[in-house]
C-alpha atoms as a PDB file:
ATOM      1  CA  UNK A   1       2.479   3.887 -15.687  1.00  0.00           C
ATOM      2  CA  UNK A   2       3.627   5.034 -18.399  1.00  0.00           C
ATOM      3  CA  UNK A   3       7.167   3.314 -17.687  1.00  0.00           C
ATOM      4  CA  UNK A   4       5.413  -0.052 -17.238  1.00  0.00           C
ATOM      5  CA  UNK A   5       4.726   0.509 -20.916  1.00  0.00           C
ATOM      6  CA  UNK A   6       7.451   2.034 -22.129  1.00  0.00           C
ATOM      7  CA  UNK A   7       9.831  -0.701 -20.382  1.00  0.00           C
ATOM      8  CA  UNK A   8       7.005  -3.314 -22.174  1.00  0.00           C
ATOM      9  CA  UNK A   9       6.136  -4.506 -18.606  1.00  0.00           C
ATOM     10  CA  UNK A  10       3.097  -6.651 -19.372  1.00  0.00           C
ATOM     11  CA  UNK A  11       2.591  -5.066 -22.760  1.00  0.00           C
ATOM     12  CA  UNK A  12       0.034  -7.377 -23.300  1.00  0.00           C
ATOM     13  CA  UNK A  13      -2.470  -6.345 -20.792  1.00  0.00           C
ATOM     14  CA  UNK A  14      -6.060  -5.626 -20.788  1.00  0.00           C
ATOM     15  CA  UNK A  15      -7.195  -1.840 -20.445  1.00  0.00           C
ATOM     16  CA  UNK A  16      -9.550  -2.905 -17.657  1.00  0.00           C
ATOM     17  CA  UNK A  17      -6.143  -4.116 -16.688  1.00  0.00           C
ATOM     18  CA  UNK A  18      -3.891  -1.685 -17.529  1.00  0.00           C
ATOM     19  CA  UNK A  19      -6.456   1.370 -16.397  1.00  0.00           C
ATOM     20  CA  UNK A  20      -7.109  -0.505 -12.325  1.00  0.00           C
ATOM     21  CA  UNK A  21      -3.400  -0.193 -11.848  1.00  0.00           C
ATOM     22  CA  UNK A  22      -3.056   2.775 -12.556  1.00  0.00           C
ATOM     23  CA  UNK A  23      -6.187   4.093 -10.301  1.00  0.00           C
ATOM     24  CA  UNK A  24      -4.399   1.478  -7.293  1.00  0.00           C
ATOM     25  CA  UNK A  25      -1.274   3.300  -7.990  1.00  0.00           C
ATOM     26  CA  UNK A  26      -2.015   6.740  -7.079  1.00  0.00           C
ATOM     27  CA  UNK A  27      -4.399   5.080  -4.566  1.00  0.00           C
ATOM     28  CA  UNK A  28      -0.692   3.582  -3.093  1.00  0.00           C
ATOM     29  CA  UNK A  29       1.051   6.316  -3.546  1.00  0.00           C
ATOM     30  CA  UNK A  30      -0.907   9.481  -3.523  1.00  0.00           C
ATOM     31  CA  UNK A  31      -3.260   8.604  -0.775  1.00  0.00           C
ATOM     32  CA  UNK A  32      -1.296   6.259   1.823  1.00  0.00           C
ATOM     33  CA  UNK A  33       2.125   7.691   1.262  1.00  0.00           C
ATOM     34  CA  UNK A  34       0.491  11.220   1.532  1.00  0.00           C
ATOM     35  CA  UNK A  35      -1.530  10.510   4.952  1.00  0.00           C
ATOM     36  CA  UNK A  36       1.754   8.538   6.071  1.00  0.00           C
ATOM     37  CA  UNK A  37       4.174  11.522   5.265  1.00  0.00           C
ATOM     38  CA  UNK A  38       2.009  13.829   6.667  1.00  0.00           C
ATOM     39  CA  UNK A  39       1.403  11.820  10.210  1.00  0.00           C
ATOM     40  CA  UNK A  40       5.289  11.657   9.967  1.00  0.00           C
ATOM     41  CA  UNK A  41       6.070  15.117  10.450  1.00  0.00           C
ATOM     42  CA  UNK A  42       3.102  16.328  11.706  1.00  0.00           C
ATOM     43  CA  UNK A  43       3.143  19.450  13.371  1.00  0.00           C
ATOM     44  CA  UNK A  44       1.750  18.046  16.909  1.00  0.00           C
ATOM     45  CA  UNK A  45       3.295  15.243  17.150  1.00  0.00           C
ATOM     46  CA  UNK A  46       4.112  11.951  15.385  1.00  0.00           C
ATOM     47  CA  UNK A  47       2.241   9.537  17.814  1.00  0.00           C
ATOM     48  CA  UNK A  48      -1.067  11.311  17.687  1.00  0.00           C
ATOM     49  CA  UNK A  49      -1.188  11.657  13.942  1.00  0.00           C
ATOM     50  CA  UNK A  50      -0.068   7.922  12.986  1.00  0.00           C
ATOM     51  CA  UNK A  51      -2.585   6.442  15.757  1.00  0.00           C
ATOM     52  CA  UNK A  52      -5.743   8.570  14.054  1.00  0.00           C
ATOM     53  CA  UNK A  53      -4.505   7.424  10.965  1.00  0.00           C
ATOM     54  CA  UNK A  54      -4.230   3.610  12.576  1.00  0.00           C
ATOM     55  CA  UNK A  55      -8.067   4.173  14.155  1.00  0.00           C
ATOM     56  CA  UNK A  56     -10.092   1.089  13.244  1.00  0.00           C
ATOM     57  CA  UNK A  57     -13.041   3.026  14.079  1.00  0.00           C
ATOM     58  CA  UNK A  58     -11.579   6.413  11.365  1.00  0.00           C
ATOM     59  CA  UNK A  59     -13.944   7.626   8.347  1.00  0.00           C
ATOM     60  CA  UNK A  60     -11.784  10.586   6.787  1.00  0.00           C
ATOM     61  CA  UNK A  61     -10.547   9.286   3.554  1.00  0.00           C
ATOM     62  CA  UNK A  62      -7.926  12.191   4.096  1.00  0.00           C
ATOM     63  CA  UNK A  63      -6.465  10.728   7.423  1.00  0.00           C
ATOM     64  CA  UNK A  64      -7.531   7.280   7.915  1.00  0.00           C
ATOM     65  CA  UNK A  65      -5.960   3.544   6.705  1.00  0.00           C
ATOM     66  CA  UNK A  66      -8.865   1.700   7.075  1.00  0.00           C
ATOM     67  CA  UNK A  67     -11.230   3.949   5.125  1.00  0.00           C
ATOM     68  CA  UNK A  68      -8.106   3.138   2.186  1.00  0.00           C
ATOM     69  CA  UNK A  69      -7.407  -0.380   3.103  1.00  0.00           C
ATOM     70  CA  UNK A  70     -11.300  -1.082   2.371  1.00  0.00           C
ATOM     71  CA  UNK A  71     -11.423   0.749  -1.030  1.00  0.00           C
ATOM     72  CA  UNK A  72      -8.729  -1.703  -1.524  1.00  0.00           C
ATOM     73  CA  UNK A  73      -9.782  -4.588  -0.269  1.00  0.00           C
ATOM     74  CA  UNK A  74     -12.901  -4.174  -2.239  1.00  0.00           C
ATOM     75  CA  UNK A  75     -11.224  -3.933  -5.738  1.00  0.00           C
ATOM     76  CA  UNK A  76      -9.223  -7.339  -4.700  1.00  0.00           C
ATOM     77  CA  UNK A  77     -10.813  -9.935  -7.456  1.00  0.00           C
ATOM     78  CA  UNK A  78     -11.122 -13.848  -7.590  1.00  0.00           C
ATOM     79  CA  UNK A  79      -7.703 -13.238  -9.133  1.00  0.00           C
ATOM     80  CA  UNK A  80      -5.712 -12.115  -6.191  1.00  0.00           C
ATOM     81  CA  UNK A  81      -5.150  -9.294  -7.716  1.00  0.00           C
ATOM     82  CA  UNK A  82      -6.952  -6.197  -8.706  1.00  0.00           C
ATOM     83  CA  UNK A  83      -7.517  -6.900 -12.606  1.00  0.00           C
ATOM     84  CA  UNK A  84      -6.777 -10.530 -13.748  1.00  0.00           C
ATOM     85  CA  UNK A  85      -2.965 -11.041 -13.134  1.00  0.00           C
ATOM     86  CA  UNK A  86      -0.815  -8.966 -11.107  1.00  0.00           C
ATOM     87  CA  UNK A  87       0.692  -5.821 -12.709  1.00  0.00           C
ATOM     88  CA  UNK A  88       2.832  -2.453 -11.121  1.00  0.00           C
ATOM     89  CA  UNK A  89      -0.385  -1.447  -9.754  1.00  0.00           C
ATOM     90  CA  UNK A  90      -0.272  -4.937  -7.610  1.00  0.00           C
ATOM     91  CA  UNK A  91       3.176  -4.397  -5.842  1.00  0.00           C
ATOM     92  CA  UNK A  92       3.054  -0.837  -5.754  1.00  0.00           C
ATOM     93  CA  UNK A  93       0.087  -1.322  -3.439  1.00  0.00           C
ATOM     94  CA  UNK A  94       1.949  -4.236  -1.752  1.00  0.00           C
ATOM     95  CA  UNK A  95       5.078  -2.706  -1.018  1.00  0.00           C
ATOM     96  CA  UNK A  96       3.368   0.572   0.330  1.00  0.00           C
ATOM     97  CA  UNK A  97       0.578  -1.526   2.629  1.00  0.00           C
ATOM     98  CA  UNK A  98       4.276  -4.010   3.725  1.00  0.00           C
ATOM     99  CA  UNK A  99       5.646   0.029   5.312  1.00  0.00           C
ATOM    100  CA  UNK A 100       2.210   0.341   7.070  1.00  0.00           C
ATOM    101  CA  UNK A 101       2.180  -3.552   8.360  1.00  0.00           C
ATOM    102  CA  UNK A 102       5.675  -2.152   9.853  1.00  0.00           C
ATOM    103  CA  UNK A 103       4.663   0.695  11.548  1.00  0.00           C
ATOM    104  CA  UNK A 104       1.277  -1.536  12.785  1.00  0.00           C
ATOM    105  CA  UNK A 105       1.586  -5.193  12.577  1.00  0.00           C
ATOM    106  CA  UNK A 106      -2.427  -5.322  13.423  1.00  0.00           C
ATOM    107  CA  UNK A 107      -3.583  -2.991  10.543  1.00  0.00           C
ATOM    108  CA  UNK A 108      -4.541  -5.755   7.958  1.00  0.00           C
ATOM    109  CA  UNK A 109      -6.900  -8.237  10.492  1.00  0.00           C
ATOM    110  CA  UNK A 110     -10.178  -6.743   8.510  1.00  0.00           C
ATOM    111  CA  UNK A 111      -8.595  -6.672   5.537  1.00  0.00           C
ATOM    112  CA  UNK A 112      -7.685 -10.179   4.072  1.00  0.00           C
ATOM    113  CA  UNK A 113      -7.425  -9.978   0.830  1.00  0.00           C
ATOM    114  CA  UNK A 114      -5.018  -7.243   0.831  1.00  0.00           C
ATOM    115  CA  UNK A 115      -3.085  -9.218   3.780  1.00  0.00           C
ATOM    116  CA  UNK A 116      -2.631 -11.805   1.311  1.00  0.00           C
ATOM    117  CA  UNK A 117      -2.134  -9.616  -1.439  1.00  0.00           C
ATOM    118  CA  UNK A 118       1.318  -8.032   0.425  1.00  0.00           C
ATOM    119  CA  UNK A 119       2.228 -12.021   1.075  1.00  0.00           C
ATOM    120  CA  UNK A 120       2.135 -12.954  -2.623  1.00  0.00           C
ATOM    121  CA  UNK A 121       4.514  -9.838  -3.619  1.00  0.00           C
ATOM    122  CA  UNK A 122       6.405 -10.643   0.747  1.00  0.00           C
ATOM    123  CA  UNK A 123       7.040 -14.354  -0.782  1.00  0.00           C
ATOM    124  CA  UNK A 124       8.144 -13.552  -4.237  1.00  0.00           C
ATOM    125  CA  UNK A 125      12.424 -14.214  -4.192  1.00  0.00           C
ATOM    126  CA  UNK A 126      13.287 -11.253  -6.328  1.00  0.00           C
ATOM    127  CA  UNK A 127      11.006  -8.543  -3.395  1.00  0.00           C
ATOM    128  CA  UNK A 128      13.179 -10.370  -0.939  1.00  0.00           C
ATOM    129  CA  UNK A 129      16.582  -9.728  -2.659  1.00  0.00           C
ATOM    130  CA  UNK A 130      15.955  -5.852  -3.238  1.00  0.00           C
ATOM    131  CA  UNK A 131      13.959  -5.420   0.634  1.00  0.00           C
ATOM    132  CA  UNK A 132      17.303  -6.748   2.186  1.00  0.00           C
ATOM    133  CA  UNK A 133      19.105  -4.259   0.546  1.00  0.00           C
ATOM    134  CA  UNK A 134      16.866  -0.871   3.154  1.00  0.00           C
ATOM    135  CA  UNK A 135      18.840  -0.931   6.252  1.00  0.00           C
ATOM    136  CA  UNK A 136      15.848   0.726   8.612  1.00  0.00           C
ATOM    137  CA  UNK A 137      12.182   1.680   7.899  1.00  0.00           C
ATOM    138  CA  UNK A 138      11.770   4.695   6.635  1.00  0.00           C
ATOM    139  CA  UNK A 139       8.525   5.529   8.585  1.00  0.00           C
ATOM    140  CA  UNK A 140       8.730   5.963  12.928  1.00  0.00           C
ATOM    141  CA  UNK A 141       5.238   4.964  14.502  1.00  0.00           C
ATOM    142  CA  UNK A 142       5.820   7.357  17.768  1.00  0.00           C
ATOM    143  CA  UNK A 143       7.252  10.446  17.883  1.00  0.00           C
ATOM    144  CA  UNK A 144      11.381  11.538  18.761  1.00  0.00           C
ATOM    145  CA  UNK A 145      11.258  12.345  23.075  1.00  0.00           C
END
């Protein structure tokens, strides 16, 4: 992202690593968070929208996380990251997918590389310290009764 370059985060990263980081950051912030936000505030009810979002048989990229997770899974390379090393986009994906795991713990069963990426960041001491400041999850899985 612009901030990563402006703040000299990974300033020597290759153009390929920077490019894929930008791409997956857009998937994480645009697709995943957009989908979760729509489900959170769905006019027909949160529970039904979340069920559709987590449906493993879903095929609609605009409404189904399994489709998005499959795209991300295919982009993770031998390094365990989307590029040759960890970049801002990897962290962004890991953070946003972690939010989805809080809603449905088994949502990564078919995506082992994505699960490993999330685990890598989740076990980072700096991430743990930062995460400790969030008292409750933003998203809810079920409609308010």
